[in-house]
Amino acid sequence: GVGIHACVGQNLAKLEAHALLTALLARVCRFEIGKPAFIVNNTLH
């Protein structure tokens, strides 16, 4: 979310994701990404 409706825990979640990806970077050669499937929705992407 953004503005007044922003998630209070977003900074912690972003920090956790950064720590996880940094730790994986030292152990993983590469990530192979497949074909994504998108949500069919008129308001969210």
ModelCIF file with pLDDT and N, C-alpha, C, O atoms, coordinates in Angstrom:
data_MODEL
#
_entry.id   MODEL 
#
_entity.id                         1 
_entity.type                       polymer 
_entity.pdbx_number_of_molecules   1 
#
_entity_poly.entity_id                      1 
_entity_poly.type                           'polypeptide(L)' 
_entity_poly.nstd_linkage                   no 
_entity_poly.nstd_monomer                   no 
_entity_poly.pdbx_seq_one_letter_code       GVGIHACVGQNLAKLEAHALLTALLARVCRFEIGKPAFIVNNTLH 
_entity_poly.pdbx_seq_one_letter_code_can   GVGIHACVGQNLAKLEAHALLTALLARVCRFEIGKPAFIVNNTLH 
_entity_poly.pdbx_strand_id                 A 
#
loop_
_entity_poly_seq.entity_id 
_entity_poly_seq.num 
_entity_poly_seq.mon_id 
_entity_poly_seq.hetero 
1 1  GLY n 
1 2  VAL n 
1 3  GLY n 
1 4  ILE n 
1 5  HIS n 
1 6  ALA n 
1 7  CYS n 
1 8  VAL n 
1 9  GLY n 
1 10 GLN n 
1 11 ASN n 
1 12 LEU n 
1 13 ALA n 
1 14 LYS n 
1 15 LEU n 
1 16 GLU n 
1 17 ALA n 
1 18 HIS n 
1 19 ALA n 
1 20 LEU n 
1 21 LEU n 
1 22 THR n 
1 23 ALA n 
1 24 LEU n 
1 25 LEU n 
1 26 ALA n 
1 27 ARG n 
1 28 VAL n 
1 29 CYS n 
1 30 ARG n 
1 31 PHE n 
1 32 GLU n 
1 33 ILE n 
1 34 GLY n 
1 35 LYS n 
1 36 PRO n 
1 37 ALA n 
1 38 PHE n 
1 39 ILE n 
1 40 VAL n 
1 41 ASN n 
1 42 ASN n 
1 43 THR n 
1 44 LEU n 
1 45 HIS n 
#
_struct_asym.id          A 
_struct_asym.entity_id   1 
#
loop_
_ma_qa_metric.id 
_ma_qa_metric.mode 
_ma_qa_metric.name 
_ma_qa_metric.software_group_id 
_ma_qa_metric.type 
1 global pLDDT . pLDDT 
2 local  pLDDT . pLDDT 
#
_ma_qa_metric_global.metric_id      1 
_ma_qa_metric_global.metric_value   84.56 
_ma_qa_metric_global.model_id       1 
_ma_qa_metric_global.ordinal_id     1 
#
loop_
_ma_qa_metric_local.label_asym_id 
_ma_qa_metric_local.label_comp_id 
_ma_qa_metric_local.label_seq_id 
_ma_qa_metric_local.metric_id 
_ma_qa_metric_local.metric_value 
_ma_qa_metric_local.model_id 
_ma_qa_metric_local.ordinal_id 
A GLY 1  2 67.00 1 1  
A VAL 2  2 71.00 1 2  
A GLY 3  2 71.00 1 3  
A ILE 4  2 74.00 1 4  
A HIS 5  2 71.00 1 5  
A ALA 6  2 74.00 1 6  
A CYS 7  2 78.00 1 7  
A VAL 8  2 77.00 1 8  
A GLY 9  2 80.00 1 9  
A GLN 10 2 82.00 1 10 
A ASN 11 2 86.00 1 11 
A LEU 12 2 87.00 1 12 
A ALA 13 2 87.00 1 13 
A LYS 14 2 88.00 1 14 
A LEU 15 2 93.00 1 15 
A GLU 16 2 93.00 1 16 
A ALA 17 2 90.00 1 17 
A HIS 18 2 93.00 1 18 
A ALA 19 2 95.00 1 19 
A LEU 20 2 92.00 1 20 
A LEU 21 2 88.00 1 21 
A THR 22 2 91.00 1 22 
A ALA 23 2 91.00 1 23 
A LEU 24 2 89.00 1 24 
A LEU 25 2 87.00 1 25 
A ALA 26 2 89.00 1 26 
A ARG 27 2 91.00 1 27 
A VAL 28 2 90.00 1 28 
A CYS 29 2 90.00 1 29 
A ARG 30 2 89.00 1 30 
A PHE 31 2 88.00 1 31 
A GLU 32 2 93.00 1 32 
A ILE 33 2 93.00 1 33 
A GLY 34 2 94.00 1 34 
A LYS 35 2 94.00 1 35 
A PRO 36 2 92.00 1 36 
A ALA 37 2 91.00 1 37 
A PHE 38 2 88.00 1 38 
A ILE 39 2 84.00 1 39 
A VAL 40 2 79.00 1 40 
A ASN 41 2 74.00 1 41 
A ASN 42 2 73.00 1 42 
A THR 43 2 73.00 1 43 
A LEU 44 2 71.00 1 44 
A HIS 45 2 74.00 1 45 
#
loop_
_atom_site.group_PDB 
_atom_site.id 
_atom_site.type_symbol 
_atom_site.label_atom_id 
_atom_site.label_alt_id 
_atom_site.label_comp_id 
_atom_site.label_asym_id 
_atom_site.label_entity_id 
_atom_site.label_seq_id 
_atom_site.pdbx_PDB_ins_code 
_atom_site.Cartn_x 
_atom_site.Cartn_y 
_atom_site.Cartn_z 
_atom_site.occupancy 
_atom_site.B_iso_or_equiv 
_atom_site.pdbx_formal_charge 
_atom_site.auth_seq_id 
_atom_site.auth_comp_id 
_atom_site.auth_asym_id 
_atom_site.auth_atom_id 
_atom_site.pdbx_PDB_model_num 
ATOM 1   N N  . GLY A 1 1  ? 0.819  -1.205  0.000   1.00 67.00 ? 1  GLY A N  1 
ATOM 2   C CA . GLY A 1 1  ? 0.000  0.000   0.000   1.00 67.00 ? 1  GLY A CA 1 
ATOM 3   C C  . GLY A 1 1  ? 0.854  1.256   0.000   1.00 67.00 ? 1  GLY A C  1 
ATOM 4   O O  . GLY A 1 1  ? 2.083  1.195   0.009   1.00 67.00 ? 1  GLY A O  1 
ATOM 5   N N  . VAL A 1 2  ? 0.171  2.403   -0.010  1.00 71.00 ? 2  VAL A N  1 
ATOM 6   C CA . VAL A 1 2  ? 0.864  3.695   -0.012  1.00 71.00 ? 2  VAL A CA 1 
ATOM 7   C C  . VAL A 1 2  ? 0.093  4.678   0.857   1.00 71.00 ? 2  VAL A C  1 
ATOM 8   O O  . VAL A 1 2  ? -1.070 4.456   1.193   1.00 71.00 ? 2  VAL A O  1 
ATOM 9   N N  . GLY A 1 3  ? 0.761  5.761   1.210   1.00 71.00 ? 3  GLY A N  1 
ATOM 10  C CA . GLY A 1 3  ? 0.113  6.826   1.967   1.00 71.00 ? 3  GLY A CA 1 
ATOM 11  C C  . GLY A 1 3  ? -0.382 6.358   3.318   1.00 71.00 ? 3  GLY A C  1 
ATOM 12  O O  . GLY A 1 3  ? 0.294  5.598   4.011   1.00 71.00 ? 3  GLY A O  1 
ATOM 13  N N  . ILE A 1 4  ? -1.558 6.814   3.686   1.00 74.00 ? 4  ILE A N  1 
ATOM 14  C CA . ILE A 1 4  ? -2.121 6.492   5.005   1.00 74.00 ? 4  ILE A CA 1 
ATOM 15  C C  . ILE A 1 4  ? -2.441 5.004   5.148   1.00 74.00 ? 4  ILE A C  1 
ATOM 16  O O  . ILE A 1 4  ? -2.549 4.493   6.263   1.00 74.00 ? 4  ILE A O  1 
ATOM 17  N N  . HIS A 1 5  ? -2.591 4.312   4.018   1.00 71.00 ? 5  HIS A N  1 
ATOM 18  C CA . HIS A 1 5  ? -2.915 2.889   4.052   1.00 71.00 ? 5  HIS A CA 1 
ATOM 19  C C  . HIS A 1 5  ? -1.687 1.997   3.911   1.00 71.00 ? 5  HIS A C  1 
ATOM 20  O O  . HIS A 1 5  ? -1.824 0.801   3.653   1.00 71.00 ? 5  HIS A O  1 
ATOM 21  N N  . ALA A 1 6  ? -0.503 2.552   4.074   1.00 74.00 ? 6  ALA A N  1 
ATOM 22  C CA . ALA A 1 6  ? 0.729  1.774   3.949   1.00 74.00 ? 6  ALA A CA 1 
ATOM 23  C C  . ALA A 1 6  ? 0.847  0.771   5.090   1.00 74.00 ? 6  ALA A C  1 
ATOM 24  O O  . ALA A 1 6  ? 0.441  1.040   6.221   1.00 74.00 ? 6  ALA A O  1 
ATOM 25  N N  . CYS A 1 7  ? 1.403  -0.373  4.774   1.00 78.00 ? 7  CYS A N  1 
ATOM 26  C CA . CYS A 1 7  ? 1.603  -1.425  5.768   1.00 78.00 ? 7  CYS A CA 1 
ATOM 27  C C  . CYS A 1 7  ? 2.678  -1.004  6.768   1.00 78.00 ? 7  CYS A C  1 
ATOM 28  O O  . CYS A 1 7  ? 3.760  -0.562  6.382   1.00 78.00 ? 7  CYS A O  1 
ATOM 29  N N  . VAL A 1 8  ? 2.372  -1.146  8.036   1.00 77.00 ? 8  VAL A N  1 
ATOM 30  C CA . VAL A 1 8  ? 3.312  -0.752  9.088   1.00 77.00 ? 8  VAL A CA 1 
ATOM 31  C C  . VAL A 1 8  ? 4.564  -1.632  9.062   1.00 77.00 ? 8  VAL A C  1 
ATOM 32  O O  . VAL A 1 8  ? 5.656  -1.163  9.383   1.00 77.00 ? 8  VAL A O  1 
ATOM 33  N N  . GLY A 1 9  ? 4.413  -2.890  8.687   1.00 80.00 ? 9  GLY A N  1 
ATOM 34  C CA . GLY A 1 9  ? 5.539  -3.817  8.703   1.00 80.00 ? 9  GLY A CA 1 
ATOM 35  C C  . GLY A 1 9  ? 6.319  -3.907  7.406   1.00 80.00 ? 9  GLY A C  1 
ATOM 36  O O  . GLY A 1 9  ? 7.163  -4.791  7.259   1.00 80.00 ? 9  GLY A O  1 
ATOM 37  N N  . GLN A 1 10 ? 6.053  -3.004  6.450   1.00 82.00 ? 10 GLN A N  1 
ATOM 38  C CA . GLN A 1 10 ? 6.707  -3.135  5.150   1.00 82.00 ? 10 GLN A CA 1 
ATOM 39  C C  . GLN A 1 10 ? 8.226  -3.000  5.222   1.00 82.00 ? 10 GLN A C  1 
ATOM 40  O O  . GLN A 1 10 ? 8.928  -3.681  4.474   1.00 82.00 ? 10 GLN A O  1 
ATOM 41  N N  . ASN A 1 11 ? 8.748  -2.154  6.087   1.00 86.00 ? 11 ASN A N  1 
ATOM 42  C CA . ASN A 1 11 ? 10.202 -2.007  6.188   1.00 86.00 ? 11 ASN A CA 1 
ATOM 43  C C  . ASN A 1 11 ? 10.853 -3.276  6.721   1.00 86.00 ? 11 ASN A C  1 
ATOM 44  O O  . ASN A 1 11 ? 11.931 -3.658  6.266   1.00 86.00 ? 11 ASN A O  1 
ATOM 45  N N  . LEU A 1 12 ? 10.206 -3.930  7.681   1.00 87.00 ? 12 LEU A N  1 
ATOM 46  C CA . LEU A 1 12 ? 10.721 -5.194  8.204   1.00 87.00 ? 12 LEU A CA 1 
ATOM 47  C C  . LEU A 1 12 ? 10.666 -6.269  7.124   1.00 87.00 ? 12 LEU A C  1 
ATOM 48  O O  . LEU A 1 12 ? 11.621 -7.031  6.968   1.00 87.00 ? 12 LEU A O  1 
ATOM 49  N N  . ALA A 1 13 ? 9.574  -6.346  6.380   1.00 87.00 ? 13 ALA A N  1 
ATOM 50  C CA . ALA A 1 13 ? 9.450  -7.339  5.311   1.00 87.00 ? 13 ALA A CA 1 
ATOM 51  C C  . ALA A 1 13 ? 10.503 -7.121  4.228   1.00 87.00 ? 13 ALA A C  1 
ATOM 52  O O  . ALA A 1 13 ? 11.083 -8.084  3.726   1.00 87.00 ? 13 ALA A O  1 
ATOM 53  N N  . LYS A 1 14 ? 10.751 -5.875  3.869   1.00 88.00 ? 14 LYS A N  1 
ATOM 54  C CA . LYS A 1 14 ? 11.766 -5.576  2.859   1.00 88.00 ? 14 LYS A CA 1 
ATOM 55  C C  . LYS A 1 14 ? 13.161 -5.929  3.369   1.00 88.00 ? 14 LYS A C  1 
ATOM 56  O O  . LYS A 1 14 ? 13.986 -6.435  2.608   1.00 88.00 ? 14 LYS A O  1 
ATOM 57  N N  . LEU A 1 15 ? 13.430 -5.670  4.643   1.00 93.00 ? 15 LEU A N  1 
ATOM 58  C CA . LEU A 1 15 ? 14.718 -6.011  5.244   1.00 93.00 ? 15 LEU A CA 1 
ATOM 59  C C  . LEU A 1 15 ? 14.916 -7.526  5.272   1.00 93.00 ? 15 LEU A C  1 
ATOM 60  O O  . LEU A 1 15 ? 16.010 -8.015  4.991   1.00 93.00 ? 15 LEU A O  1 
ATOM 61  N N  . GLU A 1 16 ? 13.862 -8.270  5.609   1.00 93.00 ? 16 GLU A N  1 
ATOM 62  C CA . GLU A 1 16 ? 13.944 -9.734  5.629   1.00 93.00 ? 16 GLU A CA 1 
ATOM 63  C C  . GLU A 1 16 ? 14.196 -10.285 4.219   1.00 93.00 ? 16 GLU A C  1 
ATOM 64  O O  . GLU A 1 16 ? 15.007 -11.194 4.044   1.00 93.00 ? 16 GLU A O  1 
ATOM 65  N N  . ALA A 1 17 ? 13.507 -9.739  3.223   1.00 90.00 ? 17 ALA A N  1 
ATOM 66  C CA . ALA A 1 17 ? 13.701 -10.189 1.840   1.00 90.00 ? 17 ALA A CA 1 
ATOM 67  C C  . ALA A 1 17 ? 15.123 -9.888  1.379   1.00 90.00 ? 17 ALA A C  1 
ATOM 68  O O  . ALA A 1 17 ? 15.747 -10.709 0.707   1.00 90.00 ? 17 ALA A O  1 
ATOM 69  N N  . HIS A 1 18 ? 15.630 -8.729  1.732   1.00 93.00 ? 18 HIS A N  1 
ATOM 70  C CA . HIS A 1 18 ? 17.009 -8.353  1.367   1.00 93.00 ? 18 HIS A CA 1 
ATOM 71  C C  . HIS A 1 18 ? 18.010 -9.307  2.021   1.00 93.00 ? 18 HIS A C  1 
ATOM 72  O O  . HIS A 1 18 ? 18.956 -9.748  1.369   1.00 93.00 ? 18 HIS A O  1 
ATOM 73  N N  . ALA A 1 19 ? 17.812 -9.628  3.293   1.00 95.00 ? 19 ALA A N  1 
ATOM 74  C CA . ALA A 1 19 ? 18.714 -10.544 4.005   1.00 95.00 ? 19 ALA A CA 1 
ATOM 75  C C  . ALA A 1 19 ? 18.668 -11.938 3.379   1.00 95.00 ? 19 ALA A C  1 
ATOM 76  O O  . ALA A 1 19 ? 19.707 -12.578 3.223   1.00 95.00 ? 19 ALA A O  1 
ATOM 77  N N  . LEU A 1 20 ? 17.479 -12.410 3.022   1.00 92.00 ? 20 LEU A N  1 
ATOM 78  C CA . LEU A 1 20 ? 17.337 -13.728 2.406   1.00 92.00 ? 20 LEU A CA 1 
ATOM 79  C C  . LEU A 1 20 ? 18.044 -13.776 1.060   1.00 92.00 ? 20 LEU A C  1 
ATOM 80  O O  . LEU A 1 20 ? 18.803 -14.707 0.791   1.00 92.00 ? 20 LEU A O  1 
ATOM 81  N N  . LEU A 1 21 ? 17.805 -12.786 0.218   1.00 88.00 ? 21 LEU A N  1 
ATOM 82  C CA . LEU A 1 21 ? 18.416 -12.775 -1.111  1.00 88.00 ? 21 LEU A CA 1 
ATOM 83  C C  . LEU A 1 21 ? 19.931 -12.610 -1.040  1.00 88.00 ? 21 LEU A C  1 
ATOM 84  O O  . LEU A 1 21 ? 20.650 -13.189 -1.854  1.00 88.00 ? 21 LEU A O  1 
ATOM 85  N N  . THR A 1 22 ? 20.422 -11.838 -0.089  1.00 91.00 ? 22 THR A N  1 
ATOM 86  C CA . THR A 1 22 ? 21.865 -11.677 0.097   1.00 91.00 ? 22 THR A CA 1 
ATOM 87  C C  . THR A 1 22 ? 22.501 -13.000 0.516   1.00 91.00 ? 22 THR A C  1 
ATOM 88  O O  . THR A 1 22 ? 23.570 -13.355 0.021   1.00 91.00 ? 22 THR A O  1 
ATOM 89  N N  . ALA A 1 23 ? 21.854 -13.733 1.422   1.00 91.00 ? 23 ALA A N  1 
ATOM 90  C CA . ALA A 1 23 ? 22.373 -15.032 1.860   1.00 91.00 ? 23 ALA A CA 1 
ATOM 91  C C  . ALA A 1 23 ? 22.345 -16.045 0.715   1.00 91.00 ? 23 ALA A C  1 
ATOM 92  O O  . ALA A 1 23 ? 23.278 -16.833 0.564   1.00 91.00 ? 23 ALA A O  1 
ATOM 93  N N  . LEU A 1 24 ? 21.286 -16.029 -0.088  1.00 89.00 ? 24 LEU A N  1 
ATOM 94  C CA . LEU A 1 24 ? 21.205 -16.944 -1.222  1.00 89.00 ? 24 LEU A CA 1 
ATOM 95  C C  . LEU A 1 24 ? 22.256 -16.638 -2.278  1.00 89.00 ? 24 LEU A C  1 
ATOM 96  O O  . LEU A 1 24 ? 22.782 -17.547 -2.920  1.00 89.00 ? 24 LEU A O  1 
ATOM 97  N N  . LEU A 1 25 ? 22.557 -15.375 -2.456  1.00 87.00 ? 25 LEU A N  1 
ATOM 98  C CA . LEU A 1 25 ? 23.521 -14.950 -3.473  1.00 87.00 ? 25 LEU A CA 1 
ATOM 99  C C  . LEU A 1 25 ? 24.876 -15.621 -3.280  1.00 87.00 ? 25 LEU A C  1 
ATOM 100 O O  . LEU A 1 25 ? 25.561 -15.924 -4.257  1.00 87.00 ? 25 LEU A O  1 
ATOM 101 N N  . ALA A 1 26 ? 25.267 -15.853 -2.040  1.00 89.00 ? 26 ALA A N  1 
ATOM 102 C CA . ALA A 1 26 ? 26.555 -16.491 -1.746  1.00 89.00 ? 26 ALA A CA 1 
ATOM 103 C C  . ALA A 1 26 ? 26.530 -17.992 -2.020  1.00 89.00 ? 26 ALA A C  1 
ATOM 104 O O  . ALA A 1 26 ? 27.591 -18.607 -2.133  1.00 89.00 ? 26 ALA A O  1 
ATOM 105 N N  . ARG A 1 27 ? 25.339 -18.601 -2.130  1.00 91.00 ? 27 ARG A N  1 
ATOM 106 C CA . ARG A 1 27 ? 25.227 -20.049 -2.253  1.00 91.00 ? 27 ARG A CA 1 
ATOM 107 C C  . ARG A 1 27 ? 24.646 -20.525 -3.580  1.00 91.00 ? 27 ARG A C  1 
ATOM 108 O O  . ARG A 1 27 ? 24.712 -21.714 -3.891  1.00 91.00 ? 27 ARG A O  1 
ATOM 109 N N  . VAL A 1 28 ? 24.088 -19.628 -4.352  1.00 90.00 ? 28 VAL A N  1 
ATOM 110 C CA . VAL A 1 28 ? 23.364 -20.004 -5.569  1.00 90.00 ? 28 VAL A CA 1 
ATOM 111 C C  . VAL A 1 28 ? 24.116 -19.506 -6.795  1.00 90.00 ? 28 VAL A C  1 
ATOM 112 O O  . VAL A 1 28 ? 24.592 -18.372 -6.830  1.00 90.00 ? 28 VAL A O  1 
ATOM 113 N N  . CYS A 1 29 ? 24.215 -20.375 -7.805  1.00 90.00 ? 29 CYS A N  1 
ATOM 114 C CA . CYS A 1 29 ? 24.862 -19.997 -9.060  1.00 90.00 ? 29 CYS A CA 1 
ATOM 115 C C  . CYS A 1 29 ? 23.934 -19.101 -9.885  1.00 90.00 ? 29 CYS A C  1 
ATOM 116 O O  . CYS A 1 29 ? 24.351 -18.057 -10.387 1.00 90.00 ? 29 CYS A O  1 
ATOM 117 N N  . ARG A 1 30 ? 22.669 -19.521 -10.020 1.00 89.00 ? 30 ARG A N  1 
ATOM 118 C CA . ARG A 1 30 ? 21.710 -18.709 -10.774 1.00 89.00 ? 30 ARG A CA 1 
ATOM 119 C C  . ARG A 1 30 ? 20.276 -19.137 -10.470 1.00 89.00 ? 30 ARG A C  1 
ATOM 120 O O  . ARG A 1 30 ? 20.024 -20.230 -9.961  1.00 89.00 ? 30 ARG A O  1 
ATOM 121 N N  . PHE A 1 31 ? 19.360 -18.252 -10.793 1.00 88.00 ? 31 PHE A N  1 
ATOM 122 C CA . PHE A 1 31 ? 17.929 -18.524 -10.717 1.00 88.00 ? 31 PHE A CA 1 
ATOM 123 C C  . PHE A 1 31 ? 17.413 -18.632 -12.149 1.00 88.00 ? 31 PHE A C  1 
ATOM 124 O O  . PHE A 1 31 ? 17.689 -17.764 -12.977 1.00 88.00 ? 31 PHE A O  1 
ATOM 125 N N  . GLU A 1 32 ? 16.673 -19.682 -12.440 1.00 93.00 ? 32 GLU A N  1 
ATOM 126 C CA . GLU A 1 32 ? 16.041 -19.826 -13.748 1.00 93.00 ? 32 GLU A CA 1 
ATOM 127 C C  . GLU A 1 32 ? 14.546 -19.596 -13.565 1.00 93.00 ? 32 GLU A C  1 
ATOM 128 O O  . GLU A 1 32 ? 13.864 -20.366 -12.888 1.00 93.00 ? 32 GLU A O  1 
ATOM 129 N N  . ILE A 1 33 ? 14.058 -18.539 -14.170 1.00 93.00 ? 33 ILE A N  1 
ATOM 130 C CA . ILE A 1 33 ? 12.658 -18.151 -14.017 1.00 93.00 ? 33 ILE A CA 1 
ATOM 131 C C  . ILE A 1 33 ? 11.849 -18.703 -15.182 1.00 93.00 ? 33 ILE A C  1 
ATOM 132 O O  . ILE A 1 33 ? 12.225 -18.543 -16.343 1.00 93.00 ? 33 ILE A O  1 
ATOM 133 N N  . GLY A 1 34 ? 10.730 -19.357 -14.862 1.00 94.00 ? 34 GLY A N  1 
ATOM 134 C CA . GLY A 1 34 ? 9.849  -19.916 -15.884 1.00 94.00 ? 34 GLY A CA 1 
ATOM 135 C C  . GLY A 1 34 ? 8.811  -18.909 -16.347 1.00 94.00 ? 34 GLY A C  1 
ATOM 136 O O  . GLY A 1 34 ? 8.904  -17.717 -16.056 1.00 94.00 ? 34 GLY A O  1 
ATOM 137 N N  . LYS A 1 35 ? 7.833  -19.406 -17.065 1.00 94.00 ? 35 LYS A N  1 
ATOM 138 C CA . LYS A 1 35 ? 6.781  -18.554 -17.602 1.00 94.00 ? 35 LYS A CA 1 
ATOM 139 C C  . LYS A 1 35 ? 5.795  -18.184 -16.490 1.00 94.00 ? 35 LYS A C  1 
ATOM 140 O O  . LYS A 1 35 ? 5.230  -19.069 -15.846 1.00 94.00 ? 35 LYS A O  1 
ATOM 141 N N  . PRO A 1 36 ? 5.587  -16.897 -16.262 1.00 92.00 ? 36 PRO A N  1 
ATOM 142 C CA . PRO A 1 36 ? 4.668  -16.485 -15.196 1.00 92.00 ? 36 PRO A CA 1 
ATOM 143 C C  . PRO A 1 36 ? 3.210  -16.659 -15.607 1.00 92.00 ? 36 PRO A C  1 
ATOM 144 O O  . PRO A 1 36 ? 2.871  -16.608 -16.790 1.00 92.00 ? 36 PRO A O  1 
ATOM 145 N N  . ALA A 1 37 ? 2.360  -16.864 -14.611 1.00 91.00 ? 37 ALA A N  1 
ATOM 146 C CA . ALA A 1 37 ? 0.910  -16.877 -14.814 1.00 91.00 ? 37 ALA A CA 1 
ATOM 147 C C  . ALA A 1 37 ? 0.360  -15.670 -14.065 1.00 91.00 ? 37 ALA A C  1 
ATOM 148 O O  . ALA A 1 37 ? 0.605  -15.508 -12.869 1.00 91.00 ? 37 ALA A O  1 
ATOM 149 N N  . PHE A 1 38 ? -0.376 -14.834 -14.767 1.00 88.00 ? 38 PHE A N  1 
ATOM 150 C CA . PHE A 1 38 ? -0.886 -13.600 -14.174 1.00 88.00 ? 38 PHE A CA 1 
ATOM 151 C C  . PHE A 1 38 ? -2.286 -13.771 -13.615 1.00 88.00 ? 38 PHE A C  1 
ATOM 152 O O  . PHE A 1 38 ? -3.067 -14.583 -14.112 1.00 88.00 ? 38 PHE A O  1 
ATOM 153 N N  . ILE A 1 39 ? -2.601 -13.005 -12.582 1.00 84.00 ? 39 ILE A N  1 
ATOM 154 C CA . ILE A 1 39 ? -3.922 -12.980 -11.985 1.00 84.00 ? 39 ILE A CA 1 
ATOM 155 C C  . ILE A 1 39 ? -4.859 -12.258 -12.949 1.00 84.00 ? 39 ILE A C  1 
ATOM 156 O O  . ILE A 1 39 ? -4.522 -11.198 -13.477 1.00 84.00 ? 39 ILE A O  1 
ATOM 157 N N  . VAL A 1 40 ? -6.025 -12.833 -13.173 1.00 79.00 ? 40 VAL A N  1 
ATOM 158 C CA . VAL A 1 40 ? -7.023 -12.178 -14.010 1.00 79.00 ? 40 VAL A CA 1 
ATOM 159 C C  . VAL A 1 40 ? -7.944 -11.395 -13.073 1.00 79.00 ? 40 VAL A C  1 
ATOM 160 O O  . VAL A 1 40 ? -8.762 -11.977 -12.360 1.00 79.00 ? 40 VAL A O  1 
ATOM 161 N N  . ASN A 1 41 ? -7.797 -10.068 -13.085 1.00 74.00 ? 41 ASN A N  1 
ATOM 162 C CA . ASN A 1 41 ? -8.542 -9.218  -12.168 1.00 74.00 ? 41 ASN A CA 1 
ATOM 163 C C  . ASN A 1 41 ? -8.631 -7.822  -12.775 1.00 74.00 ? 41 ASN A C  1 
ATOM 164 O O  . ASN A 1 41 ? -7.675 -7.352  -13.393 1.00 74.00 ? 41 ASN A O  1 
ATOM 165 N N  . ASN A 1 42 ? -9.757 -7.166  -12.605 1.00 73.00 ? 42 ASN A N  1 
ATOM 166 C CA . ASN A 1 42 ? -9.944 -5.829  -13.165 1.00 73.00 ? 42 ASN A CA 1 
ATOM 167 C C  . ASN A 1 42 ? -9.272 -4.728  -12.350 1.00 73.00 ? 42 ASN A C  1 
ATOM 168 O O  . ASN A 1 42 ? -9.026 -3.644  -12.879 1.00 73.00 ? 42 ASN A O  1 
ATOM 169 N N  . THR A 1 43 ? -8.971 -4.976  -11.088 1.00 73.00 ? 43 THR A N  1 
ATOM 170 C CA . THR A 1 43 ? -8.432 -3.917  -10.235 1.00 73.00 ? 43 THR A CA 1 
ATOM 171 C C  . THR A 1 43 ? -6.996 -4.158  -9.778  1.00 73.00 ? 43 THR A C  1 
ATOM 172 O O  . THR A 1 43 ? -6.294 -3.204  -9.443  1.00 73.00 ? 43 THR A O  1 
ATOM 173 N N  . LEU A 1 44 ? -6.546 -5.407  -9.757  1.00 71.00 ? 44 LEU A N  1 
ATOM 174 C CA . LEU A 1 44 ? -5.196 -5.718  -9.300  1.00 71.00 ? 44 LEU A CA 1 
ATOM 175 C C  . LEU A 1 44 ? -4.402 -6.360  -10.424 1.00 71.00 ? 44 LEU A C  1 
ATOM 176 O O  . LEU A 1 44 ? -4.958 -7.065  -11.266 1.00 71.00 ? 44 LEU A O  1 
ATOM 177 N N  . HIS A 1 45 ? -3.108 -6.114  -10.435 1.00 74.00 ? 45 HIS A N  1 
ATOM 178 C CA . HIS A 1 45 ? -2.218 -6.739  -11.408 1.00 74.00 ? 45 HIS A CA 1 
ATOM 179 C C  . HIS A 1 45 ? -1.143 -7.482  -10.631 1.00 74.00 ? 45 HIS A C  1 
ATOM 180 O O  . HIS A 1 45 ? -0.262 -8.098  -11.231 1.00 74.00 ? 45 HIS A O  1 
#
